[in-house]
């Protein structure tokens, strides 16, 4: 997997999991996990349909196509309200939302500037952030909403 794809795809886990709350009240933990995992699975499959970048010049196109898919997934997840017992963990994931979207924007800008050093920094930061997001997601019980294959 290329560094560009790895950064964008690993960002997906954080992005999808980092959705805000609202909507359905009263979901049980099992219902919440099931609904979130179903949304993550759908949007992960949609992201797989975006052709991987083949070069540094192609990263901008990739981000332009992948970002709306990720945002659509976030919008669907924002309709879910986690049960009270998961709010703290979910809020930790919510906090990474802006960071992850900013990382995609930064990735696009670094590619546009041909800044390979910045691309590497973004990939490293995303990897660290996503490892923590995956740990939290696993603690919640999510299976599809992690970067694990």
C-alpha atoms as a PDB file:
ATOM      1  CA  UNK A   1       0.000   0.000   0.000  1.00  0.00           C
ATOM      2  CA  UNK A   2       1.455   3.396  -0.941  1.00  0.00           C
ATOM      3  CA  UNK A   3       2.164   6.034   1.688  1.00  0.00           C
ATOM      4  CA  UNK A   4      -0.509   8.287   0.144  1.00  0.00           C
ATOM      5  CA  UNK A   5      -3.143   5.543   0.187  1.00  0.00           C
ATOM      6  CA  UNK A   6      -2.088   4.471   3.675  1.00  0.00           C
ATOM      7  CA  UNK A   7      -2.489   7.993   5.011  1.00  0.00           C
ATOM      8  CA  UNK A   8      -5.859   8.547   3.366  1.00  0.00           C
ATOM      9  CA  UNK A   9      -7.203   5.109   4.224  1.00  0.00           C
ATOM     10  CA  UNK A  10      -5.864   5.124   7.762  1.00  0.00           C
ATOM     11  CA  UNK A  11      -7.473   8.509   8.073  1.00  0.00           C
ATOM     12  CA  UNK A  12     -10.758   6.880   7.200  1.00  0.00           C
ATOM     13  CA  UNK A  13     -10.928   4.996  10.469  1.00  0.00           C
ATOM     14  CA  UNK A  14     -10.405   8.166  12.464  1.00  0.00           C
ATOM     15  CA  UNK A  15     -12.700  10.161  10.248  1.00  0.00           C
ATOM     16  CA  UNK A  16     -15.523   7.682  10.288  1.00  0.00           C
ATOM     17  CA  UNK A  17     -15.222   7.057  13.979  1.00  0.00           C
ATOM     18  CA  UNK A  18     -14.837  10.710  14.746  1.00  0.00           C
ATOM     19  CA  UNK A  19     -18.380  11.648  13.836  1.00  0.00           C
ATOM     20  CA  UNK A  20     -20.404  13.848  16.146  1.00  0.00           C
ATOM     21  CA  UNK A  21     -23.539  12.863  17.983  1.00  0.00           C
ATOM     22  CA  UNK A  22     -27.207  13.622  17.526  1.00  0.00           C
ATOM     23  CA  UNK A  23     -30.369  11.928  16.369  1.00  0.00           C
ATOM     24  CA  UNK A  24     -31.473   8.544  17.717  1.00  0.00           C
ATOM     25  CA  UNK A  25     -31.907   8.455  21.474  1.00  0.00           C
ATOM     26  CA  UNK A  26     -31.943   5.247  23.406  1.00  0.00           C
ATOM     27  CA  UNK A  27     -29.710   3.002  21.297  1.00  0.00           C
ATOM     28  CA  UNK A  28     -28.294   0.135  23.304  1.00  0.00           C
ATOM     29  CA  UNK A  29     -24.562  -0.502  23.132  1.00  0.00           C
ATOM     30  CA  UNK A  30     -25.170  -3.452  20.801  1.00  0.00           C
ATOM     31  CA  UNK A  31     -27.476  -1.446  18.526  1.00  0.00           C
ATOM     32  CA  UNK A  32     -25.046   1.465  18.414  1.00  0.00           C
ATOM     33  CA  UNK A  33     -22.097  -0.786  17.593  1.00  0.00           C
ATOM     34  CA  UNK A  34     -24.094  -2.641  14.945  1.00  0.00           C
ATOM     35  CA  UNK A  35     -25.306   0.546  13.259  1.00  0.00           C
ATOM     36  CA  UNK A  36     -21.896   2.239  13.385  1.00  0.00           C
ATOM     37  CA  UNK A  37     -20.167  -0.862  12.009  1.00  0.00           C
ATOM     38  CA  UNK A  38     -22.698  -1.119   9.164  1.00  0.00           C
ATOM     39  CA  UNK A  39     -22.076   2.504   8.213  1.00  0.00           C
ATOM     40  CA  UNK A  40     -18.314   2.061   8.402  1.00  0.00           C
ATOM     41  CA  UNK A  41     -18.456  -1.062   6.254  1.00  0.00           C
ATOM     42  CA  UNK A  42     -20.528   0.676   3.579  1.00  0.00           C
ATOM     43  CA  UNK A  43     -18.279   3.702   3.369  1.00  0.00           C
ATOM     44  CA  UNK A  44     -15.080   1.660   3.553  1.00  0.00           C
ATOM     45  CA  UNK A  45     -16.323  -0.238   0.495  1.00  0.00           C
ATOM     46  CA  UNK A  46     -17.098   3.051  -1.246  1.00  0.00           C
ATOM     47  CA  UNK A  47     -13.610   4.306  -0.433  1.00  0.00           C
ATOM     48  CA  UNK A  48     -12.140   1.126  -1.908  1.00  0.00           C
ATOM     49  CA  UNK A  49     -13.763   2.167  -5.209  1.00  0.00           C
ATOM     50  CA  UNK A  50     -11.619   5.299  -5.326  1.00  0.00           C
ATOM     51  CA  UNK A  51      -8.572   4.512  -7.441  1.00  0.00           C
ATOM     52  CA  UNK A  52      -5.344   4.663  -5.465  1.00  0.00           C
ATOM     53  CA  UNK A  53      -2.916   7.429  -6.379  1.00  0.00           C
ATOM     54  CA  UNK A  54      -0.184   6.283  -8.722  1.00  0.00           C
ATOM     55  CA  UNK A  55       2.141   9.213  -8.141  1.00  0.00           C
ATOM     56  CA  UNK A  56       2.624  12.338  -6.078  1.00  0.00           C
ATOM     57  CA  UNK A  57       0.771  14.257  -8.778  1.00  0.00           C
ATOM     58  CA  UNK A  58      -2.208  11.917  -8.363  1.00  0.00           C
ATOM     59  CA  UNK A  59      -2.629  12.478  -4.597  1.00  0.00           C
ATOM     60  CA  UNK A  60      -4.694  15.635  -5.112  1.00  0.00           C
ATOM     61  CA  UNK A  61      -7.181  13.738  -7.267  1.00  0.00           C
ATOM     62  CA  UNK A  62      -7.336  10.925  -4.747  1.00  0.00           C
ATOM     63  CA  UNK A  63      -8.054  13.272  -1.827  1.00  0.00           C
ATOM     64  CA  UNK A  64     -10.637  15.159  -3.907  1.00  0.00           C
ATOM     65  CA  UNK A  65     -12.483  11.884  -4.577  1.00  0.00           C
ATOM     66  CA  UNK A  66     -12.000  10.275  -1.149  1.00  0.00           C
ATOM     67  CA  UNK A  67     -12.872  13.257   1.054  1.00  0.00           C
ATOM     68  CA  UNK A  68     -16.571  13.460   0.023  1.00  0.00           C
ATOM     69  CA  UNK A  69     -16.962   9.719   0.649  1.00  0.00           C
ATOM     70  CA  UNK A  70     -15.512  10.156   4.113  1.00  0.00           C
ATOM     71  CA  UNK A  71     -17.702  13.181   4.807  1.00  0.00           C
ATOM     72  CA  UNK A  72     -20.807  11.254   3.700  1.00  0.00           C
ATOM     73  CA  UNK A  73     -19.889   8.509   6.171  1.00  0.00           C
ATOM     74  CA  UNK A  74     -19.429  11.078   8.909  1.00  0.00           C
ATOM     75  CA  UNK A  75     -22.808  12.597   8.170  1.00  0.00           C
ATOM     76  CA  UNK A  76     -24.493   9.213   8.545  1.00  0.00           C
ATOM     77  CA  UNK A  77     -22.638   8.495  11.759  1.00  0.00           C
ATOM     78  CA  UNK A  78     -23.590  11.904  13.119  1.00  0.00           C
ATOM     79  CA  UNK A  79     -27.186  10.696  13.145  1.00  0.00           C
ATOM     80  CA  UNK A  80     -26.268   8.092  15.772  1.00  0.00           C
ATOM     81  CA  UNK A  81     -26.411   8.904  19.466  1.00  0.00           C
ATOM     82  CA  UNK A  82     -24.113   6.686  21.522  1.00  0.00           C
ATOM     83  CA  UNK A  83     -25.504   5.223  24.711  1.00  0.00           C
ATOM     84  CA  UNK A  84     -24.443   7.125  27.803  1.00  0.00           C
ATOM     85  CA  UNK A  85     -21.880   4.471  28.730  1.00  0.00           C
ATOM     86  CA  UNK A  86     -19.995   5.119  25.470  1.00  0.00           C
ATOM     87  CA  UNK A  87     -20.207   8.903  25.326  1.00  0.00           C
ATOM     88  CA  UNK A  88     -16.751   9.529  26.798  1.00  0.00           C
ATOM     89  CA  UNK A  89     -15.013   7.165  24.420  1.00  0.00           C
ATOM     90  CA  UNK A  90     -17.105   8.344  21.474  1.00  0.00           C
ATOM     91  CA  UNK A  91     -16.241  11.961  22.333  1.00  0.00           C
ATOM     92  CA  UNK A  92     -12.544  11.070  22.220  1.00  0.00           C
ATOM     93  CA  UNK A  93     -13.102   9.823  18.690  1.00  0.00           C
ATOM     94  CA  UNK A  94     -15.171  12.885  17.841  1.00  0.00           C
ATOM     95  CA  UNK A  95     -12.199  15.049  18.812  1.00  0.00           C
ATOM     96  CA  UNK A  96     -10.094  13.468  16.077  1.00  0.00           C
ATOM     97  CA  UNK A  97     -12.654  14.412  13.400  1.00  0.00           C
ATOM     98  CA  UNK A  98     -11.319  17.888  12.661  1.00  0.00           C
ATOM     99  CA  UNK A  99      -7.730  16.692  12.920  1.00  0.00           C
ATOM    100  CA  UNK A 100      -8.361  13.943  10.397  1.00  0.00           C
ATOM    101  CA  UNK A 101     -10.149  16.184   7.924  1.00  0.00           C
ATOM    102  CA  UNK A 102      -7.388  18.751   8.347  1.00  0.00           C
ATOM    103  CA  UNK A 103      -4.866  15.977   7.684  1.00  0.00           C
ATOM    104  CA  UNK A 104      -6.581  15.171   4.381  1.00  0.00           C
ATOM    105  CA  UNK A 105      -6.505  18.857   3.475  1.00  0.00           C
ATOM    106  CA  UNK A 106      -2.849  19.025   4.503  1.00  0.00           C
ATOM    107  CA  UNK A 107      -2.119  15.912   2.456  1.00  0.00           C
ATOM    108  CA  UNK A 108      -3.661  17.517  -0.607  1.00  0.00           C
ATOM    109  CA  UNK A 109      -1.723  20.762  -0.066  1.00  0.00           C
ATOM    110  CA  UNK A 110       1.586  18.980   0.508  1.00  0.00           C
ATOM    111  CA  UNK A 111       1.061  16.982  -2.689  1.00  0.00           C
ATOM    112  CA  UNK A 112       0.212  20.171  -4.603  1.00  0.00           C
ATOM    113  CA  UNK A 113       3.439  21.704  -3.308  1.00  0.00           C
ATOM    114  CA  UNK A 114       5.471  18.559  -4.056  1.00  0.00           C
ATOM    115  CA  UNK A 115       6.512  18.535  -0.379  1.00  0.00           C
ATOM    116  CA  UNK A 116       7.481  14.918   0.228  1.00  0.00           C
ATOM    117  CA  UNK A 117       8.839  15.675   3.695  1.00  0.00           C
ATOM    118  CA  UNK A 118       5.467  17.103   4.751  1.00  0.00           C
ATOM    119  CA  UNK A 119       3.673  14.115   3.201  1.00  0.00           C
ATOM    120  CA  UNK A 120       5.767  11.811   5.377  1.00  0.00           C
ATOM    121  CA  UNK A 121       5.019  13.885   8.498  1.00  0.00           C
ATOM    122  CA  UNK A 122       1.282  13.737   7.748  1.00  0.00           C
ATOM    123  CA  UNK A 123       1.444   9.968   7.254  1.00  0.00           C
ATOM    124  CA  UNK A 124       3.332   9.487  10.529  1.00  0.00           C
ATOM    125  CA  UNK A 125       0.929  11.718  12.465  1.00  0.00           C
ATOM    126  CA  UNK A 126      -2.084   9.934  10.954  1.00  0.00           C
ATOM    127  CA  UNK A 127      -0.626   6.550  11.838  1.00  0.00           C
ATOM    128  CA  UNK A 128      -0.174   7.525  15.489  1.00  0.00           C
ATOM    129  CA  UNK A 129      -3.619   9.125  15.749  1.00  0.00           C
ATOM    130  CA  UNK A 130      -5.269   6.180  14.039  1.00  0.00           C
ATOM    131  CA  UNK A 131      -3.620   3.629  16.321  1.00  0.00           C
ATOM    132  CA  UNK A 132      -5.199   5.376  19.306  1.00  0.00           C
ATOM    133  CA  UNK A 133      -8.552   5.695  17.494  1.00  0.00           C
ATOM    134  CA  UNK A 134      -8.464   1.993  16.669  1.00  0.00           C
ATOM    135  CA  UNK A 135      -7.768   1.137  20.304  1.00  0.00           C
ATOM    136  CA  UNK A 136     -10.763   3.190  21.439  1.00  0.00           C
ATOM    137  CA  UNK A 137     -12.982   1.733  18.711  1.00  0.00           C
ATOM    138  CA  UNK A 138     -12.022  -1.776  19.769  1.00  0.00           C
ATOM    139  CA  UNK A 139     -12.758  -0.904  23.403  1.00  0.00           C
ATOM    140  CA  UNK A 140     -16.228   0.226  22.321  1.00  0.00           C
ATOM    141  CA  UNK A 141     -16.682  -3.052  20.462  1.00  0.00           C
ATOM    142  CA  UNK A 142     -16.527  -1.738  16.912  1.00  0.00           C
ATOM    143  CA  UNK A 143     -15.093  -4.117  14.357  1.00  0.00           C
ATOM    144  CA  UNK A 144     -15.657  -2.434  10.999  1.00  0.00           C
ATOM    145  CA  UNK A 145     -14.727   1.047  12.213  1.00  0.00           C
ATOM    146  CA  UNK A 146     -11.049   0.350  12.700  1.00  0.00           C
ATOM    147  CA  UNK A 147      -8.105   0.320  10.353  1.00  0.00           C
ATOM    148  CA  UNK A 148      -7.740  -3.415  10.911  1.00  0.00           C
ATOM    149  CA  UNK A 149      -8.378  -5.598   7.882  1.00  0.00           C
END
